[in-house]
Amino acid sequence: MKRSEFIRNSLLTAGAITTGAGITNTFAAEKRSTAFGDKTFNLDYAPHQGMFENHAGKSFLDQIQFMYDKGFRSIEDNGYLNRPVEEQEKIGNLLSKLGMRMGVFVVDGGDNWKTSLTTGKKEFKDKFVETCKKSVEAAKRCNAKWLTVVPGFYERNLPYGNQFANVIDAMRAGAEVFEPHGLIMVLETLSDTPELFLQKTNETYAVCKAVKSPSCKILYDIYHMQRTEGDLIKTIDRCWDEIAYIQIGDNPGRKEPTTGEINYKNLFKHLHKKGYKGVMGMEHGNSKGGKEGELAVISAYRTEDNFL
């Protein structure tokens, strides 16, 4: 599943945020579980909208409550920026009430999935800066800290060095917007298409080093990096000082851990040993449908999180 599909699904379901009974009534009849299986995890895994809708219903607020009840303490919402302000505030208020964190949402002004910032054209840079400013206001409503940035596709008519310089210039402009607010844009290296400018961790690392800002760091998506470069633990260690956020998905298939080839228990143990305290975004689909599939996701995380 591509990142663009995650974002599109988020936008399609955004209207379902208040569908059905309210937060207070939806689970009032259920006995709150105190079993070991519902305790918090060793790492801070973050589900997204739709992942548990067969149990919790269509309302995203009810889904967040269900996530909390099952031991999760963060969420991701790629399409948060393009939700109506009222919905953003409801999500933020519930997260605050439950003591949960907002993981990434995408700084998406419409130029992420085409040739844009690599060109050096003023129109693209201005739109990016404008979207960064809009993202600052959205982040305030949910106490977000990390925001995903994708600098777009290659400009095949320019040498690589010129494109690299153009991306650095745009990221410096974005960092100037985010830095006064303590926000961190995390540049995601992706595997969806060879047209994407950032495809290897070392490339994103070089951009962050050139920008030289605490507001410009790496989003290390394990699924994508398994596809493009492998050697996961060594790459994480090599680029650790610039990694600020991590996302999860097994390969092949981009489903929950244990469904593919990646040794997630070992990776989680390694990240825990390194002292990682950030959010671990569950940016993947469910391998099975219905309630069975949702329980399988929770079970997989309980299994792979049992590394101490």
Protein backbone atom coordinates (compact mmCIF):
# COMPACT_ATOMS: atom_id res chain seq x y z
CA MET A 1 0.00 0.00 0.00
CA LYS A 2 1.39 3.40 -1.00
CA ARG A 3 1.64 6.46 1.24
CA SER A 4 -0.72 8.28 -1.12
CA GLU A 5 -3.32 5.58 -0.47
CA PHE A 6 -2.99 6.03 3.29
CA ILE A 7 -3.52 9.77 2.92
CA ARG A 8 -6.46 9.31 0.55
CA ASN A 9 -8.10 6.83 2.92
CA SER A 10 -7.63 9.27 5.79
CA LEU A 11 -9.36 12.01 3.84
CA LEU A 12 -12.21 9.75 2.72
CA THR A 13 -12.91 8.71 6.28
CA ALA A 14 -12.40 12.10 7.88
CA GLY A 15 -16.13 12.74 7.82
CA ALA A 16 -16.67 9.70 9.98
CA ILE A 17 -15.01 11.31 12.96
CA THR A 18 -18.26 11.95 14.77
CA THR A 19 -20.36 9.16 13.30
CA GLY A 20 -22.36 7.04 15.72
CA ALA A 21 -22.66 7.31 19.46
CA GLY A 22 -20.44 9.68 21.38
CA ILE A 23 -17.18 8.76 23.02
CA THR A 24 -18.73 8.53 26.46
CA ASN A 25 -21.58 6.21 25.48
CA THR A 26 -19.94 3.95 22.92
CA PHE A 27 -17.94 1.86 25.36
CA ALA A 28 -19.85 2.68 28.58
CA ALA A 29 -21.37 -0.79 28.71
CA GLU A 30 -18.01 -2.50 28.31
CA LYS A 31 -15.96 -3.53 31.29
CA ARG A 32 -12.54 -1.87 31.09
CA SER A 33 -9.97 -4.58 30.77
CA THR A 34 -7.11 -4.69 33.24
CA ALA A 35 -5.61 -7.83 31.78
CA PHE A 36 -1.92 -7.95 30.91
CA GLY A 37 -2.82 -7.79 27.22
CA ASP A 38 -4.24 -4.28 27.60
CA LYS A 39 -1.33 -2.70 29.46
CA THR A 40 0.91 -0.17 27.77
CA PHE A 41 3.66 -1.40 25.47
CA ASN A 42 7.42 -1.10 25.91
CA LEU A 43 7.55 1.15 22.83
CA ASP A 44 5.02 3.77 21.78
CA TYR A 45 3.17 2.25 18.80
CA ALA A 46 0.68 4.50 17.00
CA PRO A 47 -2.31 3.09 15.05
CA HIS A 48 -4.27 5.12 12.49
CA GLN A 49 -7.90 5.65 11.57
CA GLY A 50 -9.68 2.55 10.28
CA MET A 51 -7.32 0.03 11.84
CA PHE A 52 -9.85 -1.00 14.51
CA GLU A 53 -13.15 0.21 13.09
CA ASN A 54 -14.80 -3.24 13.24
CA HIS A 55 -14.47 -3.17 17.00
CA ALA A 56 -14.86 0.56 17.65
CA GLY A 57 -17.17 1.71 14.84
CA LYS A 58 -16.71 4.38 12.16
CA SER A 59 -16.10 7.29 14.52
CA PHE A 60 -12.39 8.11 14.71
CA LEU A 61 -12.88 9.41 18.24
CA ASP A 62 -14.31 6.06 19.31
CA GLN A 63 -11.44 4.33 17.56
CA ILE A 64 -8.95 6.44 19.52
CA GLN A 65 -10.67 5.44 22.74
CA PHE A 66 -10.45 1.78 21.71
CA MET A 67 -6.75 2.19 20.94
CA TYR A 68 -6.20 3.63 24.40
CA ASP A 69 -8.12 0.79 26.02
CA LYS A 70 -5.88 -1.72 24.24
CA GLY A 71 -2.70 -0.14 25.54
CA PHE A 72 -1.72 2.23 22.72
CA ARG A 73 -0.66 5.73 23.75
CA SER A 74 -0.24 7.51 20.41
CA ILE A 75 -1.96 7.80 17.04
CA GLU A 76 -1.00 8.81 13.52
CA ASP A 77 -3.22 10.77 11.18
CA ASN A 78 -1.61 11.51 7.81
CA GLY A 79 -4.58 13.54 6.58
CA TYR A 80 -5.00 15.61 9.76
CA LEU A 81 -3.92 18.87 8.11
CA ASN A 82 -6.81 18.75 5.65
CA ARG A 83 -9.50 17.97 8.21
CA PRO A 84 -11.90 20.76 9.18
CA VAL A 85 -10.65 22.76 12.16
CA GLU A 86 -13.56 21.49 14.29
CA GLU A 87 -12.46 17.88 13.71
CA GLN A 88 -8.84 18.74 14.43
CA GLU A 89 -9.87 20.26 17.75
CA LYS A 90 -11.98 17.25 18.74
CA ILE A 91 -9.08 14.90 18.05
CA GLY A 92 -6.69 17.13 19.97
CA ASN A 93 -9.03 17.44 22.93
CA LEU A 94 -9.51 13.68 23.18
CA LEU A 95 -5.79 13.00 22.94
CA SER A 96 -5.18 15.51 25.71
CA LYS A 97 -7.88 13.96 27.88
CA LEU A 98 -6.42 10.48 27.47
CA GLY A 99 -2.80 11.56 27.78
CA MET A 100 -2.00 10.30 24.27
CA ARG A 101 0.43 11.72 21.72
CA MET A 102 -0.15 12.70 18.13
CA GLY A 103 2.38 11.14 15.81
CA VAL A 104 3.05 12.55 12.36
CA PHE A 105 0.65 14.20 10.01
CA VAL A 106 1.71 15.10 6.48
CA VAL A 107 2.70 18.61 5.37
CA ASP A 108 0.71 18.25 2.19
CA GLY A 109 0.09 21.24 -0.04
CA GLY A 110 -0.54 19.09 -3.09
CA ASP A 111 3.03 18.95 -4.45
CA ASN A 112 4.43 15.89 -2.63
CA TRP A 113 3.71 13.42 -5.42
CA LYS A 114 5.05 15.28 -8.41
CA THR A 115 8.17 17.15 -9.52
CA SER A 116 8.28 20.22 -7.27
CA LEU A 117 10.95 21.28 -4.78
CA THR A 118 13.78 19.72 -6.79
CA THR A 119 13.17 22.30 -9.54
CA GLY A 120 14.13 25.29 -7.41
CA LYS A 121 11.11 27.19 -8.74
CA LYS A 122 9.82 29.92 -6.45
CA GLU A 123 6.19 28.84 -6.85
CA PHE A 124 6.86 25.43 -5.30
CA LYS A 125 9.01 26.78 -2.48
CA ASP A 126 6.43 29.45 -1.63
CA LYS A 127 3.64 26.87 -1.55
CA PHE A 128 5.74 24.64 0.70
CA VAL A 129 6.43 27.48 3.14
CA GLU A 130 2.75 28.42 3.13
CA THR A 131 1.80 24.80 3.94
CA CYS A 132 4.40 24.71 6.72
CA LYS A 133 2.79 27.77 8.31
CA LYS A 134 -0.64 26.17 8.04
CA SER A 135 0.79 23.03 9.63
CA VAL A 136 2.05 25.01 12.63
CA GLU A 137 -1.50 26.11 13.42
CA ALA A 138 -2.85 22.58 12.98
CA ALA A 139 -0.12 21.17 15.21
CA LYS A 140 -1.17 23.49 18.02
CA ARG A 141 -4.64 21.93 18.04
CA CYS A 142 -3.36 18.43 18.79
CA ASN A 143 -0.01 19.16 20.45
CA ALA A 144 1.82 17.50 17.56
CA LYS A 145 5.61 17.56 17.40
CA TRP A 146 6.53 15.72 14.17
CA LEU A 147 5.35 16.49 10.64
CA THR A 148 6.08 14.39 7.56
CA VAL A 149 7.70 16.11 4.59
CA VAL A 150 8.17 14.60 1.11
CA PRO A 151 10.19 16.81 -1.27
CA GLY A 152 8.64 15.32 -4.38
CA PHE A 153 10.05 13.79 -7.56
CA TYR A 154 13.27 14.17 -9.52
CA GLU A 155 13.59 16.99 -12.03
CA ARG A 156 15.19 14.95 -14.79
CA ASN A 157 16.29 18.06 -16.69
CA LEU A 158 18.62 19.17 -13.89
CA PRO A 159 21.85 17.59 -12.61
CA TYR A 160 21.50 15.77 -9.31
CA GLY A 161 23.66 18.29 -7.45
CA ASN A 162 21.41 21.17 -8.45
CA GLN A 163 18.32 19.26 -7.34
CA PHE A 164 19.99 18.40 -4.04
CA ALA A 165 20.82 22.07 -3.45
CA ASN A 166 17.24 23.09 -4.28
CA VAL A 167 15.83 20.61 -1.76
CA ILE A 168 18.24 21.84 0.92
CA ASP A 169 17.17 25.42 0.25
CA ALA A 170 13.49 24.49 0.61
CA MET A 171 14.10 22.47 3.79
CA ARG A 172 15.97 25.39 5.34
CA ALA A 173 12.96 27.58 4.61
CA GLY A 174 10.67 25.02 6.23
CA ALA A 175 12.92 24.70 9.25
CA GLU A 176 12.79 28.46 9.75
CA VAL A 177 9.01 28.17 10.07
CA PHE A 178 9.02 25.19 12.43
CA GLU A 179 12.01 25.90 14.65
CA PRO A 180 10.50 28.75 16.74
CA HIS A 181 7.61 26.43 17.64
CA GLY A 182 9.72 23.42 18.59
CA LEU A 183 8.30 21.38 15.71
CA ILE A 184 10.25 18.81 13.71
CA MET A 185 9.69 18.11 10.05
CA VAL A 186 10.75 14.55 9.37
CA LEU A 187 11.83 13.82 5.81
CA GLU A 188 10.58 10.46 4.64
CA THR A 189 12.61 8.25 2.36
CA LEU A 190 10.20 6.20 0.24
CA SER A 191 10.11 3.22 -2.10
CA ASP A 192 6.79 3.75 -3.93
CA THR A 193 8.28 4.92 -7.23
CA PRO A 194 11.80 5.51 -8.61
CA GLU A 195 10.71 9.07 -9.38
CA LEU A 196 10.90 10.04 -5.68
CA PHE A 197 13.93 12.18 -4.94
CA LEU A 198 14.73 10.65 -1.55
CA GLN A 199 15.01 6.86 -1.73
CA LYS A 200 17.97 5.96 0.51
CA THR A 201 18.58 6.85 4.14
CA ASN A 202 22.07 8.21 3.43
CA GLU A 203 20.55 10.76 1.02
CA THR A 204 18.11 12.03 3.62
CA TYR A 205 20.90 12.04 6.20
CA ALA A 206 22.97 14.27 3.93
CA VAL A 207 20.05 16.71 3.51
CA CYS A 208 19.56 16.96 7.27
CA LYS A 209 23.27 17.52 7.86
CA ALA A 210 23.27 20.29 5.25
CA VAL A 211 20.18 22.01 6.67
CA LYS A 212 21.70 21.99 10.17
CA SER A 213 18.47 22.48 12.09
CA PRO A 214 16.85 20.60 14.99
CA SER A 215 13.64 20.99 12.98
CA CYS A 216 14.85 18.91 10.02
CA LYS A 217 15.31 15.21 10.75
CA ILE A 218 14.70 11.75 9.27
CA LEU A 219 11.53 9.70 9.30
CA TYR A 220 12.88 6.15 9.08
CA ASP A 221 10.16 3.92 7.64
CA ILE A 222 11.30 0.34 8.18
CA TYR A 223 9.07 -1.07 5.45
CA HIS A 224 10.35 1.30 2.78
CA MET A 225 13.97 0.91 3.82
CA GLN A 226 13.77 -2.87 3.79
CA ARG A 227 12.68 -2.57 0.17
CA THR A 228 15.27 -0.04 -1.00
CA GLU A 229 18.38 -0.86 1.02
CA GLY A 230 17.95 -3.49 3.76
CA ASP A 231 20.75 -3.71 6.34
CA LEU A 232 18.31 -2.11 8.76
CA ILE A 233 20.13 -2.12 12.10
CA LYS A 234 23.45 -0.98 10.65
CA THR A 235 21.74 1.82 8.72
CA ILE A 236 19.79 2.94 11.79
CA ASP A 237 22.99 3.07 13.84
CA ARG A 238 24.88 4.90 11.09
CA CYS A 239 22.22 7.63 10.81
CA TRP A 240 20.94 7.59 14.39
CA ASP A 241 21.81 11.18 15.24
CA GLU A 242 19.41 12.43 12.54
CA ILE A 243 16.54 9.96 13.03
CA ALA A 244 13.63 11.50 14.93
CA TYR A 245 10.70 9.28 13.99
CA ILE A 246 10.11 5.65 12.99
CA GLN A 247 7.34 3.88 11.08
CA ILE A 248 6.49 0.20 10.81
CA GLY A 249 5.26 -2.22 8.17
CA ASP A 250 6.35 -5.73 7.24
CA ASN A 251 7.61 -6.69 3.81
CA PRO A 252 6.30 -7.94 1.45
CA GLY A 253 2.72 -6.71 1.72
CA ARG A 254 3.01 -3.75 4.14
CA LYS A 255 0.96 -5.41 6.86
CA GLU A 256 1.53 -5.84 10.60
CA PRO A 257 4.76 -7.34 12.00
CA THR A 258 5.07 -11.17 11.80
CA THR A 259 3.44 -11.27 8.33
CA GLY A 260 6.67 -10.82 6.35
CA GLU A 261 10.43 -11.17 6.43
CA ILE A 262 11.47 -8.49 8.93
CA ASN A 263 12.58 -9.55 12.43
CA TYR A 264 10.63 -6.88 14.26
CA LYS A 265 11.19 -8.25 17.76
CA ASN A 266 14.92 -7.86 17.27
CA LEU A 267 14.50 -4.38 15.77
CA PHE A 268 12.23 -3.25 18.61
CA LYS A 269 14.71 -4.58 21.16
CA HIS A 270 17.52 -2.70 19.41
CA LEU A 271 15.58 0.56 19.35
CA HIS A 272 14.61 0.18 23.00
CA LYS A 273 18.25 -0.48 23.93
CA LYS A 274 19.27 2.69 22.09
CA GLY A 275 16.82 4.61 24.28
CA TYR A 276 14.29 5.53 21.61
CA LYS A 277 11.33 7.27 23.28
CA GLY A 278 9.54 8.56 20.19
CA VAL A 279 6.42 7.38 18.41
CA MET A 280 6.44 4.19 16.31
CA GLY A 281 3.92 4.79 13.54
CA MET A 282 1.90 1.73 12.49
CA GLU A 283 1.73 2.80 8.86
CA HIS A 284 0.52 -0.47 7.42
CA GLY A 285 -2.67 -2.34 6.64
CA ASN A 286 -4.23 -5.32 8.42
CA SER A 287 -3.38 -8.72 6.96
CA LYS A 288 -6.88 -10.02 7.66
CA GLY A 289 -10.30 -8.41 7.52
CA GLY A 290 -12.91 -7.91 10.22
CA LYS A 291 -12.53 -8.20 13.95
CA GLU A 292 -10.27 -11.21 13.54
CA GLY A 293 -7.80 -9.14 11.58
CA GLU A 294 -7.86 -6.34 14.13
CA LEU A 295 -7.16 -8.73 16.98
CA ALA A 296 -4.34 -10.23 14.91
CA VAL A 297 -2.73 -6.79 14.69
CA ILE A 298 -2.88 -6.32 18.45
CA SER A 299 -1.57 -9.85 19.01
CA ALA A 300 1.33 -9.27 16.64
CA TYR A 301 2.41 -6.16 18.51
CA ARG A 302 2.10 -7.92 21.87
CA THR A 303 4.29 -10.73 20.55
CA GLU A 304 6.97 -8.53 18.98
CA ASP A 305 6.94 -6.08 21.91
CA ASN A 306 7.76 -8.91 24.32
CA PHE A 307 11.52 -8.44 24.00
CA LEU A 308 12.60 -7.59 27.56
